[in-house]
Amino acid sequence: GEAISIERFLNLRYDGTDVGLMMLEDAEWDFADGFEAQYEREFGFRLPGRAVMVDDIRVRGIGKSDGVKQEELPCVGRVPIPIDTKPAYFDSGWQPTPSYS
């Protein structure tokens, strides 16, 4: 079966600053406390009493499934014949590679 989850992010910054941090919603929807803690981890200080501003909002939907059912196609009985061979670069280096019409 398929499962869909939603992630909510706020791009937050202290009022009067240019540096924002993208914060994922936590269980309590307490973006401000999470922002202040992350800001202190990244920059070494907080700005107490300064308003926290929301610059933008991002929502991400994630769909998960059990996989795609692969259908086996019948062989048509003929082998394709290349019309040319050109060098192509792969992980192992240049390889002669057939091309088909």
PDB file of N, CA and C in Angstrom:
ATOM      1  N   GLY A   1       0.817  -1.184   0.000  1.00  0.00           N
ATOM      2  CA  GLY A   1       0.000   0.000   0.000  1.00  0.00           C
ATOM      3  C   GLY A   1       0.858   1.244   0.000  1.00  0.00           C
ATOM      4  N   GLU A   2       0.248   2.342  -0.319  1.00  0.00           N
ATOM      5  CA  GLU A   2       0.974   3.607  -0.352  1.00  0.00           C
ATOM      6  C   GLU A   2       0.775   4.368   0.953  1.00  0.00           C
ATOM      7  N   ALA A   3       1.794   5.105   1.317  1.00  0.00           N
ATOM      8  CA  ALA A   3       1.725   5.961   2.502  1.00  0.00           C
ATOM      9  C   ALA A   3       2.227   7.340   2.102  1.00  0.00           C
ATOM     10  N   ILE A   4       1.524   8.354   2.519  1.00  0.00           N
ATOM     11  CA  ILE A   4       1.910   9.728   2.209  1.00  0.00           C
ATOM     12  C   ILE A   4       2.181  10.447   3.518  1.00  0.00           C
ATOM     13  N   SER A   5       3.338  11.086   3.591  1.00  0.00           N
ATOM     14  CA  SER A   5       3.653  11.882   4.777  1.00  0.00           C
ATOM     15  C   SER A   5       3.927  13.316   4.331  1.00  0.00           C
ATOM     16  N   ILE A   6       3.692  14.229   5.236  1.00  0.00           N
ATOM     17  CA  ILE A   6       3.874  15.654   4.973  1.00  0.00           C
ATOM     18  C   ILE A   6       4.918  16.191   5.947  1.00  0.00           C
ATOM     19  N   GLU A   7       5.897  16.931   5.424  1.00  0.00           N
ATOM     20  CA  GLU A   7       6.878  17.619   6.262  1.00  0.00           C
ATOM     21  C   GLU A   7       6.696  19.118   6.066  1.00  0.00           C
ATOM     22  N   ARG A   8       6.683  19.855   7.165  1.00  0.00           N
ATOM     23  CA  ARG A   8       6.512  21.303   7.119  1.00  0.00           C
ATOM     24  C   ARG A   8       7.800  21.968   7.605  1.00  0.00           C
ATOM     25  N   PHE A   9       8.244  22.971   6.864  1.00  0.00           N
ATOM     26  CA  PHE A   9       9.453  23.708   7.200  1.00  0.00           C
ATOM     27  C   PHE A   9       9.132  25.198   7.247  1.00  0.00           C
ATOM     28  N   LEU A  10       9.809  25.909   8.139  1.00  0.00           N
ATOM     29  CA  LEU A  10       9.770  27.368   8.149  1.00  0.00           C
ATOM     30  C   LEU A  10      11.200  27.868   8.011  1.00  0.00           C
ATOM     31  N   ASN A  11      11.395  28.852   7.148  1.00  0.00           N
ATOM     32  CA  ASN A  11      12.686  29.519   7.043  1.00  0.00           C
ATOM     33  C   ASN A  11      12.638  30.702   8.007  1.00  0.00           C
ATOM     34  N   LEU A  12      13.350  30.590   9.134  1.00  0.00           N
ATOM     35  CA  LEU A  12      13.275  31.565  10.222  1.00  0.00           C
ATOM     36  C   LEU A  12      14.579  32.346  10.338  1.00  0.00           C
ATOM     37  N   ARG A  13      14.455  33.574  10.832  1.00  0.00           N
ATOM     38  CA  ARG A  13      15.632  34.404  11.116  1.00  0.00           C
ATOM     39  C   ARG A  13      15.255  35.383  12.218  1.00  0.00           C
ATOM     40  N   TYR A  14      16.274  35.894  12.898  1.00  0.00           N
ATOM     41  CA  TYR A  14      16.036  36.964  13.861  1.00  0.00           C
ATOM     42  C   TYR A  14      15.742  38.251  13.095  1.00  0.00           C
ATOM     43  N   ASP A  15      14.801  39.039  13.606  1.00  0.00           N
ATOM     44  CA  ASP A  15      14.479  40.337  13.011  1.00  0.00           C
ATOM     45  C   ASP A  15      15.746  41.191  12.966  1.00  0.00           C
ATOM     46  N   GLY A  16      15.993  41.792  11.811  1.00  0.00           N
ATOM     47  CA  GLY A  16      17.163  42.644  11.655  1.00  0.00           C
ATOM     48  C   GLY A  16      18.416  41.912  11.205  1.00  0.00           C
ATOM     49  N   THR A  17      18.327  40.603  10.980  1.00  0.00           N
ATOM     50  CA  THR A  17      19.480  39.841  10.484  1.00  0.00           C
ATOM     51  C   THR A  17      19.167  39.298   9.096  1.00  0.00           C
ATOM     52  N   ASP A  18      20.211  38.881   8.394  1.00  0.00           N
ATOM     53  CA  ASP A  18      20.056  38.328   7.051  1.00  0.00           C
ATOM     54  C   ASP A  18      20.147  36.811   7.024  1.00  0.00           C
ATOM     55  N   VAL A  19      20.576  36.194   8.116  1.00  0.00           N
ATOM     56  CA  VAL A  19      20.831  34.757   8.133  1.00  0.00           C
ATOM     57  C   VAL A  19      19.592  34.009   8.606  1.00  0.00           C
ATOM     58  N   GLY A  20      19.079  33.138   7.748  1.00  0.00           N
ATOM     59  CA  GLY A  20      17.930  32.325   8.112  1.00  0.00           C
ATOM     60  C   GLY A  20      18.309  30.865   8.234  1.00  0.00           C
ATOM     61  N   LEU A  21      17.509  30.126   8.973  1.00  0.00           N
ATOM     62  CA  LEU A  21      17.686  28.682   9.111  1.00  0.00           C
ATOM     63  C   LEU A  21      16.371  28.001   8.744  1.00  0.00           C
ATOM     64  N   MET A  22      16.448  26.961   7.927  1.00  0.00           N
ATOM     65  CA  MET A  22      15.266  26.182   7.558  1.00  0.00           C
ATOM     66  C   MET A  22      15.015  25.167   8.671  1.00  0.00           C
ATOM     67  N   MET A  23      13.860  25.277   9.310  1.00  0.00           N
ATOM     68  CA  MET A  23      13.550  24.434  10.461  1.00  0.00           C
ATOM     69  C   MET A  23      12.400  23.490  10.135  1.00  0.00           C
ATOM     70  N   LEU A  24      12.616  22.209  10.400  1.00  0.00           N
ATOM     71  CA  LEU A  24      11.578  21.200  10.245  1.00  0.00           C
ATOM     72  C   LEU A  24      10.648  21.262  11.448  1.00  0.00           C
ATOM     73  N   GLU A  25       9.357  21.129  11.191  1.00  0.00           N
ATOM     74  CA  GLU A  25       8.352  21.130  12.259  1.00  0.00           C
ATOM     75  C   GLU A  25       8.656  20.010  13.251  1.00  0.00           C
ATOM     76  N   ASP A  26       8.588  20.324  14.546  1.00  0.00           N
ATOM     77  CA  ASP A  26       8.733  19.274  15.548  1.00  0.00           C
ATOM     78  C   ASP A  26       7.356  18.877  16.074  1.00  0.00           C
ATOM     79  N   ALA A  27       7.316  17.927  16.968  1.00  0.00           N
ATOM     80  CA  ALA A  27       6.045  17.378  17.453  1.00  0.00           C
ATOM     81  C   ALA A  27       5.181  18.431  18.137  1.00  0.00           C
ATOM     82  N   GLU A  28       5.789  19.430  18.765  1.00  0.00           N
ATOM     83  CA  GLU A  28       5.034  20.459  19.491  1.00  0.00           C
ATOM     84  C   GLU A  28       4.766  21.699  18.646  1.00  0.00           C
ATOM     85  N   TRP A  29       5.196  21.725  17.401  1.00  0.00           N
ATOM     86  CA  TRP A  29       5.075  22.904  16.542  1.00  0.00           C
ATOM     87  C   TRP A  29       5.783  24.096  17.172  1.00  0.00           C
ATOM     88  N   ASP A  30       6.849  23.853  17.909  1.00  0.00           N
ATOM     89  CA  ASP A  30       7.574  24.923  18.584  1.00  0.00           C
ATOM     90  C   ASP A  30       8.786  25.313  17.745  1.00  0.00           C
ATOM     91  N   PHE A  31       8.521  26.018  16.648  1.00  0.00           N
ATOM     92  CA  PHE A  31       9.585  26.404  15.733  1.00  0.00           C
ATOM     93  C   PHE A  31      10.569  27.370  16.382  1.00  0.00           C
ATOM     94  N   ALA A  32      10.087  28.314  17.179  1.00  0.00           N
ATOM     95  CA  ALA A  32      10.951  29.360  17.733  1.00  0.00           C
ATOM     96  C   ALA A  32      12.019  28.777  18.655  1.00  0.00           C
ATOM     97  N   ASP A  33      11.635  27.892  19.573  1.00  0.00           N
ATOM     98  CA  ASP A  33      12.631  27.303  20.477  1.00  0.00           C
ATOM     99  C   ASP A  33      13.651  26.477  19.704  1.00  0.00           C
ATOM    100  N   GLY A  34      13.174  25.707  18.726  1.00  0.00           N
ATOM    101  CA  GLY A  34      14.092  24.922  17.896  1.00  0.00           C
ATOM    102  C   GLY A  34      15.042  25.812  17.115  1.00  0.00           C
ATOM    103  N   PHE A  35      14.513  26.926  16.590  1.00  0.00           N
ATOM    104  CA  PHE A  35      15.343  27.879  15.844  1.00  0.00           C
ATOM    105  C   PHE A  35      16.426  28.465  16.738  1.00  0.00           C
ATOM    106  N   GLU A  36      16.041  28.921  17.934  1.00  0.00           N
ATOM    107  CA  GLU A  36      17.015  29.547  18.823  1.00  0.00           C
ATOM    108  C   GLU A  36      18.109  28.566  19.228  1.00  0.00           C
ATOM    109  N   ALA A  37      17.743  27.311  19.485  1.00  0.00           N
ATOM    110  CA  ALA A  37      18.748  26.305  19.842  1.00  0.00           C
ATOM    111  C   ALA A  37      19.675  26.020  18.658  1.00  0.00           C
ATOM    112  N   GLN A  38      19.116  25.879  17.458  1.00  0.00           N
ATOM    113  CA  GLN A  38      19.929  25.626  16.267  1.00  0.00           C
ATOM    114  C   GLN A  38      20.820  26.827  15.950  1.00  0.00           C
ATOM    115  N   TYR A  39      20.285  28.030  16.107  1.00  0.00           N
ATOM    116  CA  TYR A  39      21.063  29.253  15.864  1.00  0.00           C
ATOM    117  C   TYR A  39      22.277  29.297  16.792  1.00  0.00           C
ATOM    118  N   GLU A  40      22.046  28.965  18.060  1.00  0.00           N
ATOM    119  CA  GLU A  40      23.153  28.968  19.021  1.00  0.00           C
ATOM    120  C   GLU A  40      24.182  27.889  18.670  1.00  0.00           C
ATOM    121  N   ARG A  41      23.732  26.705  18.216  1.00  0.00           N
ATOM    122  CA  ARG A  41      24.671  25.654  17.811  1.00  0.00           C
ATOM    123  C   ARG A  41      25.530  26.112  16.626  1.00  0.00           C
ATOM    124  N   GLU A  42      24.911  26.801  15.676  1.00  0.00           N
ATOM    125  CA  GLU A  42      25.637  27.201  14.469  1.00  0.00           C
ATOM    126  C   GLU A  42      26.482  28.461  14.653  1.00  0.00           C
ATOM    127  N   PHE A  43      25.993  29.416  15.445  1.00  0.00           N
ATOM    128  CA  PHE A  43      26.670  30.712  15.536  1.00  0.00           C
ATOM    129  C   PHE A  43      27.242  31.020  16.921  1.00  0.00           C
ATOM    130  N   GLY A  44      26.925  30.208  17.919  1.00  0.00           N
ATOM    131  CA  GLY A  44      27.523  30.367  19.237  1.00  0.00           C
ATOM    132  C   GLY A  44      26.831  31.350  20.158  1.00  0.00           C
ATOM    133  N   PHE A  45      25.714  31.911  19.749  1.00  0.00           N
ATOM    134  CA  PHE A  45      24.994  32.860  20.610  1.00  0.00           C
ATOM    135  C   PHE A  45      23.530  32.928  20.189  1.00  0.00           C
ATOM    136  N   ARG A  46      22.732  33.512  21.082  1.00  0.00           N
ATOM    137  CA  ARG A  46      21.318  33.793  20.802  1.00  0.00           C
ATOM    138  C   ARG A  46      21.117  35.298  20.867  1.00  0.00           C
ATOM    139  N   LEU A  47      19.993  35.754  20.356  1.00  0.00           N
ATOM    140  CA  LEU A  47      19.630  37.167  20.462  1.00  0.00           C
ATOM    141  C   LEU A  47      18.325  37.257  21.263  1.00  0.00           C
ATOM    142  N   PRO A  48      18.419  37.152  22.601  1.00  0.00           N
ATOM    143  CA  PRO A  48      17.208  37.155  23.420  1.00  0.00           C
ATOM    144  C   PRO A  48      16.432  38.456  23.264  1.00  0.00           C
ATOM    145  N   GLY A  49      15.128  38.345  23.236  1.00  0.00           N
ATOM    146  CA  GLY A  49      14.268  39.506  23.101  1.00  0.00           C
ATOM    147  C   GLY A  49      14.061  39.949  21.668  1.00  0.00           C
ATOM    148  N   ARG A  50      14.829  39.401  20.738  1.00  0.00           N
ATOM    149  CA  ARG A  50      14.692  39.747  19.318  1.00  0.00           C
ATOM    150  C   ARG A  50      13.596  38.873  18.715  1.00  0.00           C
ATOM    151  N   ALA A  51      12.711  39.481  17.936  1.00  0.00           N
ATOM    152  CA  ALA A  51      11.621  38.732  17.297  1.00  0.00           C
ATOM    153  C   ALA A  51      12.190  37.740  16.286  1.00  0.00           C
ATOM    154  N   VAL A  52      11.535  36.582  16.189  1.00  0.00           N
ATOM    155  CA  VAL A  52      11.886  35.577  15.185  1.00  0.00           C
ATOM    156  C   VAL A  52      10.912  35.737  14.025  1.00  0.00           C
ATOM    157  N   MET A  53      11.457  35.952  12.832  1.00  0.00           N
ATOM    158  CA  MET A  53      10.653  36.224  11.639  1.00  0.00           C
ATOM    159  C   MET A  53      10.557  34.975  10.761  1.00  0.00           C
ATOM    160  N   VAL A  54       9.412  34.817  10.101  1.00  0.00           N
ATOM    161  CA  VAL A  54       9.220  33.743   9.122  1.00  0.00           C
ATOM    162  C   VAL A  54       9.420  34.349   7.739  1.00  0.00           C
ATOM    163  N   ASP A  55      10.475  33.923   7.037  1.00  0.00           N
ATOM    164  CA  ASP A  55      10.720  34.420   5.679  1.00  0.00           C
ATOM    165  C   ASP A  55       9.899  33.655   4.649  1.00  0.00           C
ATOM    166  N   ASP A  56       9.802  32.348   4.798  1.00  0.00           N
ATOM    167  CA  ASP A  56       8.979  31.564   3.883  1.00  0.00           C
ATOM    168  C   ASP A  56       8.646  30.220   4.503  1.00  0.00           C
ATOM    169  N   ILE A  57       7.711  29.549   3.859  1.00  0.00           N
ATOM    170  CA  ILE A  57       7.206  28.255   4.323  1.00  0.00           C
ATOM    171  C   ILE A  57       7.427  27.248   3.207  1.00  0.00           C
ATOM    172  N   ARG A  58       7.810  26.040   3.574  1.00  0.00           N
ATOM    173  CA  ARG A  58       7.982  24.961   2.601  1.00  0.00           C
ATOM    174  C   ARG A  58       7.233  23.733   3.114  1.00  0.00           C
ATOM    175  N   VAL A  59       6.503  23.104   2.231  1.00  0.00           N
ATOM    176  CA  VAL A  59       5.798  21.864   2.571  1.00  0.00           C
ATOM    177  C   VAL A  59       6.256  20.804   1.586  1.00  0.00           C
ATOM    178  N   ARG A  60       6.620  19.636   2.102  1.00  0.00           N
ATOM    179  CA  ARG A  60       7.080  18.536   1.259  1.00  0.00           C
ATOM    180  C   ARG A  60       6.166  17.333   1.487  1.00  0.00           C
ATOM    181  N   GLY A  61       5.597  16.822   0.414  1.00  0.00           N
ATOM    182  CA  GLY A  61       4.806  15.596   0.474  1.00  0.00           C
ATOM    183  C   GLY A  61       5.654  14.438  -0.010  1.00  0.00           C
ATOM    184  N   ILE A  62       5.667  13.353   0.749  1.00  0.00           N
ATOM    185  CA  ILE A  62       6.474  12.183   0.403  1.00  0.00           C
ATOM    186  C   ILE A  62       5.545  10.989   0.274  1.00  0.00           C
ATOM    187  N   GLY A  63       5.521  10.392  -0.910  1.00  0.00           N
ATOM    188  CA  GLY A  63       4.711   9.203  -1.150  1.00  0.00           C
ATOM    189  C   GLY A  63       5.593   7.976  -1.222  1.00  0.00           C
ATOM    190  N   LYS A  64       5.218   6.940  -0.504  1.00  0.00           N
ATOM    191  CA  LYS A  64       5.979   5.687  -0.510  1.00  0.00           C
ATOM    192  C   LYS A  64       5.047   4.567  -0.940  1.00  0.00           C
ATOM    193  N   SER A  65       5.581   3.663  -1.738  1.00  0.00           N
ATOM    194  CA  SER A  65       4.787   2.513  -2.166  1.00  0.00           C
ATOM    195  C   SER A  65       5.607   1.247  -1.971  1.00  0.00           C
ATOM    196  N   ASP A  66       4.937   0.120  -2.105  1.00  0.00           N
ATOM    197  CA  ASP A  66       5.609  -1.167  -1.953  1.00  0.00           C
ATOM    198  C   ASP A  66       6.438  -1.525  -3.179  1.00  0.00           C
ATOM    199  N   GLY A  67       6.362  -0.730  -4.206  1.00  0.00           N
ATOM    200  CA  GLY A  67       7.133  -0.999  -5.412  1.00  0.00           C
ATOM    201  C   GLY A  67       6.230  -1.115  -6.621  1.00  0.00           C
ATOM    202  N   VAL A  68       6.854  -1.186  -7.762  1.00  0.00           N
ATOM    203  CA  VAL A  68       6.127  -1.274  -9.019  1.00  0.00           C
ATOM    204  C   VAL A  68       6.160  -2.716  -9.488  1.00  0.00           C
ATOM    205  N   LYS A  69       5.018  -3.211  -9.887  1.00  0.00           N
ATOM    206  CA  LYS A  69       4.948  -4.574 -10.393  1.00  0.00           C
ATOM    207  C   LYS A  69       5.527  -4.593 -11.807  1.00  0.00           C
ATOM    208  N   GLN A  70       6.551  -5.400 -12.009  1.00  0.00           N
ATOM    209  CA  GLN A  70       7.202  -5.511 -13.306  1.00  0.00           C
ATOM    210  C   GLN A  70       6.440  -6.505 -14.175  1.00  0.00           C
ATOM    211  N   GLU A  71       6.169  -6.103 -15.406  1.00  0.00           N
ATOM    212  CA  GLU A  71       5.475  -6.985 -16.337  1.00  0.00           C
ATOM    213  C   GLU A  71       6.503  -7.630 -17.258  1.00  0.00           C
ATOM    214  N   GLU A  72       6.437  -8.939 -17.395  1.00  0.00           N
ATOM    215  CA  GLU A  72       7.322  -9.677 -18.294  1.00  0.00           C
ATOM    216  C   GLU A  72       6.775  -9.559 -19.706  1.00  0.00           C
ATOM    217  N   LEU A  73       7.584  -9.046 -20.630  1.00  0.00           N
ATOM    218  CA  LEU A  73       7.152  -8.892 -22.012  1.00  0.00           C
ATOM    219  C   LEU A  73       7.623 -10.086 -22.833  1.00  0.00           C
ATOM    220  N   PRO A  74       6.784 -10.540 -23.752  1.00  0.00           N
ATOM    221  CA  PRO A  74       7.185 -11.690 -24.569  1.00  0.00           C
ATOM    222  C   PRO A  74       8.266 -11.290 -25.577  1.00  0.00           C
ATOM    223  N   CYS A  75       9.145 -12.225 -25.896  1.00  0.00           N
ATOM    224  CA  CYS A  75      10.186 -11.999 -26.891  1.00  0.00           C
ATOM    225  C   CYS A  75       9.548 -12.044 -28.277  1.00  0.00           C
ATOM    226  N   VAL A  76       9.922 -11.111 -29.153  1.00  0.00           N
ATOM    227  CA  VAL A  76       9.334 -11.067 -30.496  1.00  0.00           C
ATOM    228  C   VAL A  76      10.072 -11.974 -31.473  1.00  0.00           C
ATOM    229  N   GLY A  77      11.158 -12.599 -31.051  1.00  0.00           N
ATOM    230  CA  GLY A  77      11.819 -13.592 -31.876  1.00  0.00           C
ATOM    231  C   GLY A  77      12.934 -13.085 -32.761  1.00  0.00           C
ATOM    232  N   ARG A  78      13.215 -11.798 -32.791  1.00  0.00           N
ATOM    233  CA  ARG A  78      14.330 -11.342 -33.606  1.00  0.00           C
ATOM    234  C   ARG A  78      15.348 -10.616 -32.733  1.00  0.00           C
ATOM    235  N   VAL A  79      16.572 -10.712 -33.136  1.00  0.00           N
ATOM    236  CA  VAL A  79      17.663 -10.075 -32.413  1.00  0.00           C
ATOM    237  C   VAL A  79      17.986  -8.760 -33.118  1.00  0.00           C
ATOM    238  N   PRO A  80      18.011  -7.644 -32.395  1.00  0.00           N
ATOM    239  CA  PRO A  80      18.327  -6.367 -33.048  1.00  0.00           C
ATOM    240  C   PRO A  80      19.770  -6.359 -33.552  1.00  0.00           C
ATOM    241  N   ILE A  81      19.960  -5.755 -34.701  1.00  0.00           N
ATOM    242  CA  ILE A  81      21.286  -5.666 -35.311  1.00  0.00           C
ATOM    243  C   ILE A  81      21.740  -4.209 -35.236  1.00  0.00           C
ATOM    244  N   PRO A  82      22.935  -3.977 -34.661  1.00  0.00           N
ATOM    245  CA  PRO A  82      23.411  -2.591 -34.563  1.00  0.00           C
ATOM    246  C   PRO A  82      23.728  -2.032 -35.946  1.00  0.00           C
ATOM    247  N   ILE A  83      23.470  -0.727 -36.114  1.00  0.00           N
ATOM    248  CA  ILE A  83      23.789  -0.071 -37.384  1.00  0.00           C
ATOM    249  C   ILE A  83      25.170   0.574 -37.341  1.00  0.00           C
ATOM    250  N   ASP A  84      25.717   0.734 -36.133  1.00  0.00           N
ATOM    251  CA  ASP A  84      27.025   1.362 -35.996  1.00  0.00           C
ATOM    252  C   ASP A  84      27.563   1.057 -34.601  1.00  0.00           C
ATOM    253  N   THR A  85      28.840   1.267 -34.409  1.00  0.00           N
ATOM    254  CA  THR A  85      29.468   1.147 -33.096  1.00  0.00           C
ATOM    255  C   THR A  85      30.275   2.418 -32.855  1.00  0.00           C
ATOM    256  N   LYS A  86      30.040   3.039 -31.725  1.00  0.00           N
ATOM    257  CA  LYS A  86      30.720   4.287 -31.357  1.00  0.00           C
ATOM    258  C   LYS A  86      31.328   4.116 -29.967  1.00  0.00           C
ATOM    259  N   PRO A  87      32.424   4.821 -29.682  1.00  0.00           N
ATOM    260  CA  PRO A  87      32.967   4.765 -28.322  1.00  0.00           C
ATOM    261  C   PRO A  87      32.083   5.576 -27.366  1.00  0.00           C
ATOM    262  N   ALA A  88      31.845   5.024 -26.187  1.00  0.00           N
ATOM    263  CA  ALA A  88      31.100   5.712 -25.127  1.00  0.00           C
ATOM    264  C   ALA A  88      31.859   5.507 -23.820  1.00  0.00           C
ATOM    265  N   TYR A  89      31.851   6.520 -22.967  1.00  0.00           N
ATOM    266  CA  TYR A  89      32.601   6.449 -21.714  1.00  0.00           C
ATOM    267  C   TYR A  89      31.709   5.928 -20.592  1.00  0.00           C
ATOM    268  N   PHE A  90      32.160   4.862 -19.913  1.00  0.00           N
ATOM    269  CA  PHE A  90      31.482   4.270 -18.761  1.00  0.00           C
ATOM    270  C   PHE A  90      32.441   4.298 -17.577  1.00  0.00           C
ATOM    271  N   ASP A  91      31.998   3.778 -16.427  1.00  0.00           N
ATOM    272  CA  ASP A  91      32.850   3.737 -15.232  1.00  0.00           C
ATOM    273  C   ASP A  91      34.187   3.053 -15.501  1.00  0.00           C
ATOM    274  N   SER A  92      34.181   2.055 -16.363  1.00  0.00           N
ATOM    275  CA  SER A  92      35.404   1.299 -16.649  1.00  0.00           C
ATOM    276  C   SER A  92      36.236   1.927 -17.764  1.00  0.00           C
ATOM    277  N   GLY A  93      35.817   3.064 -18.308  1.00  0.00           N
ATOM    278  CA  GLY A  93      36.560   3.735 -19.370  1.00  0.00           C
ATOM    279  C   GLY A  93      35.803   3.691 -20.683  1.00  0.00           C
ATOM    280  N   TRP A  94      36.499   3.997 -21.774  1.00  0.00           N
ATOM    281  CA  TRP A  94      35.884   4.013 -23.101  1.00  0.00           C
ATOM    282  C   TRP A  94      35.580   2.590 -23.541  1.00  0.00           C
ATOM    283  N   GLN A  95      34.360   2.389 -24.041  1.00  0.00           N
ATOM    284  CA  GLN A  95      33.923   1.074 -24.508  1.00  0.00           C
ATOM    285  C   GLN A  95      33.275   1.218 -25.876  1.00  0.00           C
ATOM    286  N   PRO A  96      33.537   0.263 -26.797  1.00  0.00           N
ATOM    287  CA  PRO A  96      32.792   0.279 -28.055  1.00  0.00           C
ATOM    288  C   PRO A  96      31.328  -0.034 -27.758  1.00  0.00           C
ATOM    289  N   THR A  97      30.438   0.825 -28.241  1.00  0.00           N
ATOM    290  CA  THR A  97      29.025   0.709 -27.885  1.00  0.00           C
ATOM    291  C   THR A  97      28.173   0.680 -29.152  1.00  0.00           C
ATOM    292  N   PRO A  98      27.383  -0.380 -29.321  1.00  0.00           N
ATOM    293  CA  PRO A  98      26.543  -0.467 -30.516  1.00  0.00           C
ATOM    294  C   PRO A  98      25.399   0.544 -30.460  1.00  0.00           C
ATOM    295  N   SER A  99      24.992   1.030 -31.636  1.00  0.00           N
ATOM    296  CA  SER A  99      23.810   1.891 -31.722  1.00  0.00           C
ATOM    297  C   SER A  99      22.828   1.262 -32.700  1.00  0.00           C
ATOM    298  N   TYR A 100      21.562   1.486 -32.444  1.00  0.00           N
ATOM    299  CA  TYR A 100      20.480   0.854 -33.195  1.00  0.00           C
ATOM    300  C   TYR A 100      19.574   1.931 -33.776  1.00  0.00           C
ATOM    301  N   SER A 101      18.865   1.575 -34.867  1.00  0.00           N
ATOM    302  CA  SER A 101      17.934   2.546 -35.448  1.00  0.00           C
ATOM    303  C   SER A 101      16.556   2.375 -34.856  1.00  0.00           C
TER     304      SER A 101
END
